[in-house]
N, C-alpha and C. Protein backbone atom coordinates (compact mmCIF):
# COMPACT_ATOMS: atom_id res chain seq x y z
N MET A 1 92.65 129.46 103.05
CA MET A 1 91.42 129.96 104.12
C MET A 1 90.49 128.94 103.67
N ILE A 2 90.27 128.13 104.97
CA ILE A 2 89.02 127.16 104.98
C ILE A 2 87.72 128.04 105.11
N ASN A 3 86.84 127.59 103.86
CA ASN A 3 86.47 128.54 103.86
C ASN A 3 84.66 128.22 104.13
N THR A 4 83.81 129.59 103.86
CA THR A 4 82.58 129.05 103.92
C THR A 4 81.88 129.79 103.21
N GLU A 5 80.51 129.65 102.73
CA GLU A 5 80.16 130.02 101.28
C GLU A 5 80.22 132.17 101.47
N ASP A 6 80.08 132.41 102.92
CA ASP A 6 80.41 134.00 103.21
C ASP A 6 81.83 134.66 103.06
N THR A 7 82.41 133.76 103.56
CA THR A 7 83.87 134.29 103.62
C THR A 7 85.24 134.57 102.56
N PRO A 8 85.13 135.67 102.33
CA PRO A 8 86.09 135.81 100.73
C PRO A 8 87.21 134.93 100.80
N SER A 9 88.11 134.60 99.95
CA SER A 9 89.61 133.88 100.57
C SER A 9 90.60 134.52 100.00
N ILE A 10 91.60 133.60 100.86
CA ILE A 10 92.72 134.27 101.03
C ILE A 10 93.50 133.50 99.76
N ASP A 11 94.59 134.23 99.04
CA ASP A 11 94.81 133.45 98.01
C ASP A 11 96.65 133.23 98.38
N LEU A 12 96.11 131.92 98.68
CA LEU A 12 97.83 131.09 99.56
C LEU A 12 98.91 131.27 98.42
N THR A 13 98.84 131.16 97.01
CA THR A 13 99.43 131.42 96.00
C THR A 13 100.29 132.38 95.94
N ASP A 14 99.97 133.79 96.75
CA ASP A 14 100.60 135.24 96.68
C ASP A 14 101.93 135.21 98.01
N ARG A 15 102.77 135.20 98.02
CA ARG A 15 103.76 135.32 98.64
C ARG A 15 103.91 136.34 100.14
N ALA A 16 102.75 137.18 99.68
CA ALA A 16 102.47 138.46 100.44
C ALA A 16 101.56 138.04 101.58
N ALA A 17 100.84 136.75 101.14
CA ALA A 17 99.87 136.41 102.24
C ALA A 17 100.17 136.07 103.65
N PHE A 18 101.79 135.81 103.75
CA PHE A 18 102.21 135.29 104.92
C PHE A 18 103.39 136.04 105.35
N VAL A 19 103.55 135.85 106.70
CA VAL A 19 104.25 136.84 107.83
C VAL A 19 105.07 135.76 108.27
N ILE A 20 104.78 134.83 108.81
CA ILE A 20 106.24 133.85 109.41
C ILE A 20 106.32 132.67 107.96
N TRP A 21 107.81 132.74 107.55
CA TRP A 21 108.63 131.36 106.79
C TRP A 21 109.48 130.79 107.18
N THR A 22 109.60 129.47 107.07
CA THR A 22 110.18 128.45 107.29
C THR A 22 110.72 128.03 105.85
N ARG A 23 112.13 127.36 105.94
CA ARG A 23 112.57 127.07 104.57
C ARG A 23 113.27 125.02 105.39
N ASP A 24 112.60 124.21 104.01
CA ASP A 24 113.21 123.10 104.30
C ASP A 24 113.85 122.68 103.09
N THR A 25 114.69 121.41 103.32
CA THR A 25 115.55 121.15 101.97
C THR A 25 114.70 119.58 101.14
N VAL A 26 114.89 119.80 99.86
CA VAL A 26 113.91 118.73 99.45
C VAL A 26 115.29 118.12 99.04
N ARG A 27 114.77 116.44 99.57
CA ARG A 27 116.03 115.04 100.00
C ARG A 27 115.55 114.79 98.49
N PHE A 28 116.52 113.87 98.31
CA PHE A 28 116.46 112.50 96.84
C PHE A 28 115.52 111.56 97.32
N SER A 29 115.03 111.31 98.35
CA SER A 29 114.27 110.47 98.95
C SER A 29 113.00 110.83 98.79
N ASP A 30 112.60 112.31 98.52
CA ASP A 30 111.25 113.30 98.02
C ASP A 30 111.00 112.68 96.62
N MET A 31 110.96 112.14 96.00
CA MET A 31 111.16 112.23 94.44
C MET A 31 110.06 110.84 94.25
N ASP A 32 109.01 111.26 92.97
CA ASP A 32 108.28 109.91 92.95
C ASP A 32 109.07 109.80 92.22
N CYS A 33 108.60 108.06 91.03
CA CYS A 33 109.58 108.23 90.30
C CYS A 33 109.34 108.46 88.85
N TYR A 34 108.27 109.71 88.73
CA TYR A 34 108.28 110.60 88.14
C TYR A 34 109.14 111.78 88.14
N ARG A 35 109.91 111.65 89.21
CA ARG A 35 111.21 112.98 89.46
C ARG A 35 110.60 113.80 90.46
N HIS A 36 109.23 114.32 90.30
CA HIS A 36 108.74 115.29 91.03
C HIS A 36 108.67 114.93 92.96
N ILE A 37 108.49 115.98 93.06
CA ILE A 37 108.80 115.77 94.87
C ILE A 37 107.15 115.14 95.00
N ASN A 38 107.17 114.43 96.02
CA ASN A 38 106.08 113.31 96.50
C ASN A 38 104.88 113.89 97.20
N ASN A 39 103.50 113.38 97.36
CA ASN A 39 102.51 114.11 98.49
C ASN A 39 103.33 113.55 99.41
N VAL A 40 103.87 112.48 99.82
CA VAL A 40 104.03 112.31 101.41
C VAL A 40 104.97 113.58 101.69
N ALA A 41 105.65 113.75 100.94
CA ALA A 41 107.15 115.13 101.21
C ALA A 41 106.26 116.18 101.28
N THR A 42 105.38 116.50 100.33
CA THR A 42 104.62 117.90 100.66
C THR A 42 103.68 117.90 101.71
N ALA A 43 103.67 116.81 102.51
CA ALA A 43 103.13 117.16 103.65
C ALA A 43 103.44 117.01 104.63
N THR A 44 105.14 116.50 104.51
CA THR A 44 105.80 116.66 105.48
C THR A 44 106.39 118.28 105.66
N TYR A 45 106.84 118.95 104.19
CA TYR A 45 106.87 120.42 104.05
C TYR A 45 106.06 120.98 105.08
N CYS A 46 105.09 120.73 104.94
CA CYS A 46 103.60 121.50 105.63
C CYS A 46 103.74 121.43 106.59
N GLU A 47 104.19 120.09 107.10
CA GLU A 47 104.47 119.82 108.72
C GLU A 47 105.76 120.79 109.30
N THR A 48 106.70 120.79 108.81
CA THR A 48 107.88 121.74 109.08
C THR A 48 107.52 122.88 109.35
N GLY A 49 106.87 123.76 108.46
CA GLY A 49 106.26 124.71 108.31
C GLY A 49 105.29 125.31 109.80
N ARG A 50 104.39 124.31 110.01
CA ARG A 50 103.45 124.00 111.12
C ARG A 50 103.89 123.82 112.36
N VAL A 51 105.02 123.50 112.59
CA VAL A 51 106.07 123.20 113.96
C VAL A 51 106.72 124.38 114.21
N GLU A 52 107.02 125.21 113.10
CA GLU A 52 108.40 125.69 113.34
C GLU A 52 107.07 127.14 113.46
N PHE A 53 105.85 127.33 113.05
CA PHE A 53 105.01 128.15 113.15
C PHE A 53 104.52 128.06 114.78
N ALA A 54 104.35 126.98 115.04
CA ALA A 54 103.63 127.05 116.66
C ALA A 54 104.54 127.70 117.52
N GLU A 55 105.76 126.80 117.24
CA GLU A 55 107.06 127.11 118.45
C GLU A 55 107.58 128.41 118.43
N SER A 56 107.45 129.10 117.16
CA SER A 56 107.50 130.43 116.90
C SER A 56 106.26 131.53 118.24
N LEU A 57 105.19 130.52 118.05
CA LEU A 57 104.21 131.07 118.53
C LEU A 57 104.20 131.16 120.24
N MET A 58 104.70 129.62 120.87
CA MET A 58 104.47 129.15 122.08
C MET A 58 105.55 128.28 122.09
N PRO A 59 106.69 128.34 122.65
CA PRO A 59 107.59 127.59 122.71
C PRO A 59 107.27 125.99 123.42
N GLY A 60 107.55 124.92 123.23
CA GLY A 60 107.86 123.79 123.68
C GLY A 60 105.77 123.24 123.25
N SER A 61 104.86 123.93 122.70
CA SER A 61 103.58 123.74 122.07
C SER A 61 103.58 122.41 121.13
N THR A 62 104.39 122.48 120.85
CA THR A 62 104.70 120.79 120.37
C THR A 62 105.60 119.75 120.40
N SER A 63 106.14 120.12 122.09
CA SER A 63 106.44 118.97 122.84
C SER A 63 105.80 117.77 123.25
N GLY A 64 104.74 117.81 123.40
CA GLY A 64 103.89 116.17 123.67
C GLY A 64 104.27 116.39 125.27
N LYS A 65 104.17 117.25 126.03
CA LYS A 65 103.84 117.00 127.23
C LYS A 65 102.73 118.40 127.67
N ASP A 66 102.08 118.34 128.29
CA ASP A 66 101.18 119.00 129.20
C ASP A 66 99.85 119.40 127.86
N ALA A 67 100.37 120.27 128.01
CA ALA A 67 98.94 120.69 126.20
C ALA A 67 99.82 120.83 125.32
N GLY A 68 99.06 120.70 124.17
CA GLY A 68 100.00 121.42 122.58
C GLY A 68 98.62 121.34 121.73
N TRP A 69 99.00 121.47 120.44
CA TRP A 69 98.49 121.11 119.35
C TRP A 69 98.54 120.06 118.38
N VAL A 70 97.24 119.71 118.52
CA VAL A 70 97.23 118.38 117.31
C VAL A 70 96.28 119.13 116.25
N ILE A 71 97.09 117.86 114.87
CA ILE A 71 96.30 118.25 114.02
C ILE A 71 95.00 117.38 113.82
N LEU A 72 93.88 118.61 113.19
CA LEU A 72 92.55 117.58 113.18
C LEU A 72 92.08 117.39 111.64
N ARG A 73 92.59 118.57 111.33
CA ARG A 73 92.15 118.63 109.35
C ARG A 73 93.38 118.87 107.96
N LEU A 74 93.54 118.07 107.81
CA LEU A 74 94.97 119.08 106.87
C LEU A 74 94.50 118.38 105.86
N THR A 75 94.33 119.81 104.57
CA THR A 75 94.14 119.53 102.98
C THR A 75 95.13 120.23 102.04
N VAL A 76 95.47 119.34 101.26
CA VAL A 76 97.12 119.73 100.39
C VAL A 76 96.46 120.23 98.93
N ASN A 77 96.54 121.10 98.51
CA ASN A 77 96.43 121.03 97.11
C ASN A 77 97.16 121.28 96.00
N PHE A 78 97.72 120.31 95.53
CA PHE A 78 98.97 120.95 94.97
C PHE A 78 98.95 121.19 93.06
N LEU A 79 99.52 121.91 92.84
CA LEU A 79 99.28 123.17 92.10
C LEU A 79 100.30 123.18 90.78
N ALA A 80 101.33 122.29 91.00
CA ALA A 80 102.31 122.50 89.57
C ALA A 80 103.54 121.22 90.43
N GLN A 81 104.27 121.07 89.65
CA GLN A 81 105.77 120.08 89.40
C GLN A 81 106.84 121.08 90.30
N ALA A 82 106.77 120.26 91.07
CA ALA A 82 108.65 120.94 92.05
C ALA A 82 109.97 119.26 91.91
N HIS A 83 111.16 119.88 91.41
CA HIS A 83 111.70 118.80 91.56
C HIS A 83 112.91 118.95 92.75
N TYR A 84 113.59 117.42 92.57
CA TYR A 84 114.85 117.70 93.18
C TYR A 84 116.40 118.18 92.71
N PRO A 85 116.88 118.99 92.97
CA PRO A 85 117.23 119.11 94.56
C PRO A 85 116.63 120.88 94.65
N GLY A 86 117.14 121.29 95.60
CA GLY A 86 116.63 122.66 95.99
C GLY A 86 116.35 122.42 97.23
N ASP A 87 115.57 123.97 97.62
CA ASP A 87 115.17 124.37 98.73
C ASP A 87 113.16 124.49 98.70
N VAL A 88 112.47 124.10 100.23
CA VAL A 88 110.90 124.87 99.68
C VAL A 88 111.19 125.45 100.80
N GLU A 89 110.29 127.12 100.36
CA GLU A 89 110.00 127.64 101.54
C GLU A 89 108.50 127.62 101.65
N ILE A 90 108.21 127.77 102.66
CA ILE A 90 106.98 127.29 103.06
C ILE A 90 106.45 128.48 104.23
N GLY A 91 105.59 129.21 103.41
CA GLY A 91 105.09 130.34 103.83
C GLY A 91 103.40 129.79 105.20
N THR A 92 103.54 130.74 106.18
CA THR A 92 102.41 130.01 107.09
C THR A 92 101.52 131.20 107.87
N ARG A 93 99.96 131.10 108.08
CA ARG A 93 99.41 132.27 108.54
C ARG A 93 98.33 132.12 109.30
N VAL A 94 97.89 132.31 110.04
CA VAL A 94 96.88 132.55 111.17
C VAL A 94 95.85 133.09 109.91
N ASP A 95 94.17 131.98 110.32
CA ASP A 95 93.58 132.38 109.25
C ASP A 95 92.34 132.39 110.28
N ARG A 96 91.93 131.91 110.96
CA ARG A 96 90.99 132.02 111.70
C ARG A 96 91.34 131.53 113.48
N VAL A 97 91.37 131.90 114.86
CA VAL A 97 91.02 131.45 116.26
C VAL A 97 89.90 131.51 116.39
N GLY A 98 90.18 130.31 117.15
CA GLY A 98 88.67 129.94 117.67
C GLY A 98 88.61 129.71 119.30
N ARG A 99 87.65 128.70 120.15
CA ARG A 99 88.20 129.10 121.73
C ARG A 99 89.25 127.93 122.20
N SER A 100 89.24 126.49 121.28
CA SER A 100 90.15 125.84 121.38
C SER A 100 90.86 124.94 119.67
N SER A 101 90.48 126.40 118.90
CA SER A 101 91.20 125.62 117.77
C SER A 101 91.66 126.83 116.69
N CYS A 102 92.49 126.47 115.59
CA CYS A 102 92.72 127.50 114.75
C CYS A 102 92.81 127.25 113.44
N ASP A 103 92.59 128.40 112.53
CA ASP A 103 92.66 127.75 110.98
C ASP A 103 94.19 127.88 110.51
N ILE A 104 94.80 127.66 109.81
CA ILE A 104 95.83 127.86 109.36
C ILE A 104 95.73 127.61 107.78
N GLY A 105 96.56 128.76 107.05
CA GLY A 105 96.77 128.55 105.80
C GLY A 105 98.81 128.50 105.14
N GLN A 106 98.68 128.03 104.28
CA GLN A 106 100.25 127.46 104.07
C GLN A 106 100.36 127.80 102.56
N GLY A 107 101.20 128.29 102.00
CA GLY A 107 102.15 128.19 100.75
C GLY A 107 103.54 127.54 100.77
N LEU A 108 103.42 126.43 99.40
CA LEU A 108 104.93 125.96 99.25
C LEU A 108 105.69 126.47 98.22
N PHE A 109 106.40 126.96 98.32
CA PHE A 109 107.15 127.44 96.86
C PHE A 109 108.35 127.14 96.93
N LYS A 110 108.52 127.01 95.72
CA LYS A 110 110.37 126.29 95.35
C LYS A 110 110.69 126.76 93.36
N ASP A 111 111.29 127.66 93.79
CA ASP A 111 112.33 128.23 92.69
C ASP A 111 111.13 129.23 91.87
N GLY A 112 110.40 129.66 93.29
CA GLY A 112 109.55 131.04 92.79
C GLY A 112 108.31 130.78 92.43
N VAL A 113 107.80 129.42 92.02
CA VAL A 113 106.92 128.64 92.09
C VAL A 113 106.14 128.04 93.53
N CYS A 114 104.86 128.74 93.40
CA CYS A 114 103.92 127.81 94.45
C CYS A 114 103.52 126.74 93.76
N PHE A 115 104.07 125.59 94.56
CA PHE A 115 103.48 124.70 93.75
C PHE A 115 102.40 123.60 94.62
N ALA A 116 102.31 124.28 95.87
CA ALA A 116 100.96 123.53 96.71
C ALA A 116 100.76 124.78 97.86
N THR A 117 99.54 123.83 98.29
CA THR A 117 98.94 125.16 99.13
C THR A 117 98.45 124.22 100.06
N SER A 118 97.97 124.71 101.28
CA SER A 118 97.62 123.81 102.70
C SER A 118 96.87 124.67 103.26
N GLU A 119 95.56 123.69 103.79
CA GLU A 119 94.89 124.57 104.85
C GLU A 119 94.51 123.04 106.36
N ALA A 120 94.73 123.54 107.18
CA ALA A 120 94.78 122.96 108.50
C ALA A 120 93.98 123.36 109.54
N VAL A 121 93.57 122.66 110.32
CA VAL A 121 92.36 123.13 111.73
C VAL A 121 93.64 122.49 112.58
N LEU A 122 93.78 123.12 113.89
CA LEU A 122 95.13 122.56 114.81
C LEU A 122 94.24 123.10 116.20
N VAL A 123 93.89 121.96 117.00
CA VAL A 123 93.16 122.25 118.54
C VAL A 123 94.27 121.59 119.40
N TRP A 124 93.57 122.61 120.41
CA TRP A 124 94.59 123.05 121.65
C TRP A 124 94.00 121.51 122.64
N MET A 125 95.22 120.94 123.05
CA MET A 125 94.67 119.88 123.95
C MET A 125 95.39 120.01 125.15
N ASP A 126 94.44 119.72 126.15
CA ASP A 126 95.06 119.40 127.87
C ASP A 126 95.31 117.80 127.56
N LEU A 127 96.70 117.59 127.49
CA LEU A 127 97.21 115.99 127.44
C LEU A 127 97.34 115.46 128.93
N LYS A 128 97.22 116.70 129.92
CA LYS A 128 97.24 115.92 131.31
C LYS A 128 95.41 115.86 131.47
N ASP A 129 94.68 116.09 130.88
CA ASP A 129 93.20 116.08 130.91
C ASP A 129 92.95 114.79 129.81
N GLY A 130 93.70 113.94 129.92
CA GLY A 130 93.67 112.57 129.03
C GLY A 130 93.19 112.97 127.28
N GLY A 131 93.61 114.38 126.96
CA GLY A 131 93.65 114.53 125.98
C GLY A 131 92.07 115.43 125.21
N GLN A 132 91.85 115.65 126.16
CA GLN A 132 90.57 116.57 125.46
C GLN A 132 91.01 117.82 125.02
N PRO A 133 90.15 118.44 124.22
CA PRO A 133 90.21 119.97 123.28
C PRO A 133 90.29 120.94 124.67
N ALA A 134 90.86 121.86 124.71
CA ALA A 134 90.87 122.73 125.80
C ALA A 134 90.87 124.50 125.28
N PRO A 135 90.81 125.64 126.09
CA PRO A 135 90.76 126.65 125.34
C PRO A 135 92.32 127.20 125.32
N ILE A 136 92.70 128.24 124.37
CA ILE A 136 93.73 128.29 123.67
C ILE A 136 94.08 129.36 124.39
N PRO A 137 95.68 129.02 125.64
CA PRO A 137 95.95 129.89 126.42
C PRO A 137 95.92 131.75 125.69
N ASP A 138 95.48 132.53 127.05
CA ASP A 138 95.63 134.29 126.73
C ASP A 138 96.50 134.87 126.19
N ALA A 139 97.74 134.40 126.53
CA ALA A 139 98.89 134.59 125.87
C ALA A 139 99.35 134.20 124.17
N LEU A 140 98.89 132.65 123.96
CA LEU A 140 98.96 132.05 122.60
C LEU A 140 98.13 132.88 121.58
N ARG A 141 96.45 133.15 122.49
CA ARG A 141 95.41 133.62 122.02
C ARG A 141 96.17 134.83 120.88
N ALA A 142 96.64 135.86 122.19
CA ALA A 142 96.89 137.49 121.74
C ALA A 142 97.98 137.10 120.39
N ARG A 143 99.30 136.38 120.76
CA ARG A 143 100.36 135.95 119.43
C ARG A 143 99.20 135.69 118.63
N MET A 144 98.64 134.79 118.15
CA MET A 144 98.35 134.23 116.94
C MET A 144 96.83 135.38 116.50
N LEU A 145 96.29 136.16 117.09
CA LEU A 145 95.72 137.42 116.83
C LEU A 145 96.72 138.25 116.01
N SER A 146 98.07 138.68 117.04
CA SER A 146 99.06 139.68 116.15
C SER A 146 99.18 139.06 114.61
N ASN A 147 99.64 137.89 114.76
CA ASN A 147 99.89 137.01 113.41
C ASN A 147 98.70 137.30 112.33
N ALA A 148 97.28 137.19 112.92
CA ALA A 148 96.62 137.02 111.90
C ALA A 148 96.33 138.94 111.37
N ALA A 149 96.70 139.68 112.00
CA ALA A 149 96.49 141.40 111.92
C ALA A 149 97.40 141.44 111.13
N HIS A 150 98.39 141.18 111.26
CA HIS A 150 99.86 142.04 110.61
C HIS A 150 99.79 140.68 108.93
N ALA A 151 99.00 139.74 108.63
CA ALA A 151 99.00 139.09 107.51
C ALA A 151 97.87 139.88 106.89
N PRO A 152 98.87 139.96 105.62
CA PRO A 152 97.30 140.84 104.63
C PRO A 152 95.70 139.86 104.11
N THR A 153 94.82 140.61 104.36
CA THR A 153 93.49 139.97 104.35
C THR A 153 93.32 140.17 102.89
N ALA A 154 92.05 139.35 103.03
CA ALA A 154 91.69 138.76 101.38
C ALA A 154 90.99 140.05 101.09
N PRO A 155 90.60 140.36 100.22
CA PRO A 155 89.71 141.43 98.79
C PRO A 155 88.23 141.79 99.22
N ALA A 156 88.15 142.68 99.66
CA ALA A 156 86.69 142.98 100.07
C ALA A 156 85.91 142.22 99.22
N SER A 157 84.87 141.25 99.71
CA SER A 157 83.74 140.83 98.53
C SER A 157 82.92 141.94 98.27
N ASN A 158 82.04 141.89 96.98
CA ASN A 158 81.59 142.88 95.80
C ASN A 158 79.76 142.74 96.21
């Protein structure tokens, strides 16, 4: 979760923190010279999860027509080594819904281990209006808030 000082953090390494799951395949080309999954592949797995997440909430929202999501910020935290071959499981959750943007958190798991987490800020853009930020449509906002409500919350702060 993208935190402010007074916001408790969500443990993105905990599989129970996620409602929506996506799977991707580790390709041979995803390795670096040390045989680890490389940083570019990790960002691509995050993208796979974001796109499937966005499409599950509003089909067509990543098509590049009319209006849809663009990424404003992506932060990736590398936590452990992960290797070829196999699959990556990507958990995605809504952490905040604003007027025209949202924050999402992701956990990337391979062989039962969380090897990376990600936080992203997505902005809803009206592509017919020159790519300006626009209010998130009400139906999409409702689906996002439902996802956030079904995802486990951070522990209460003391």
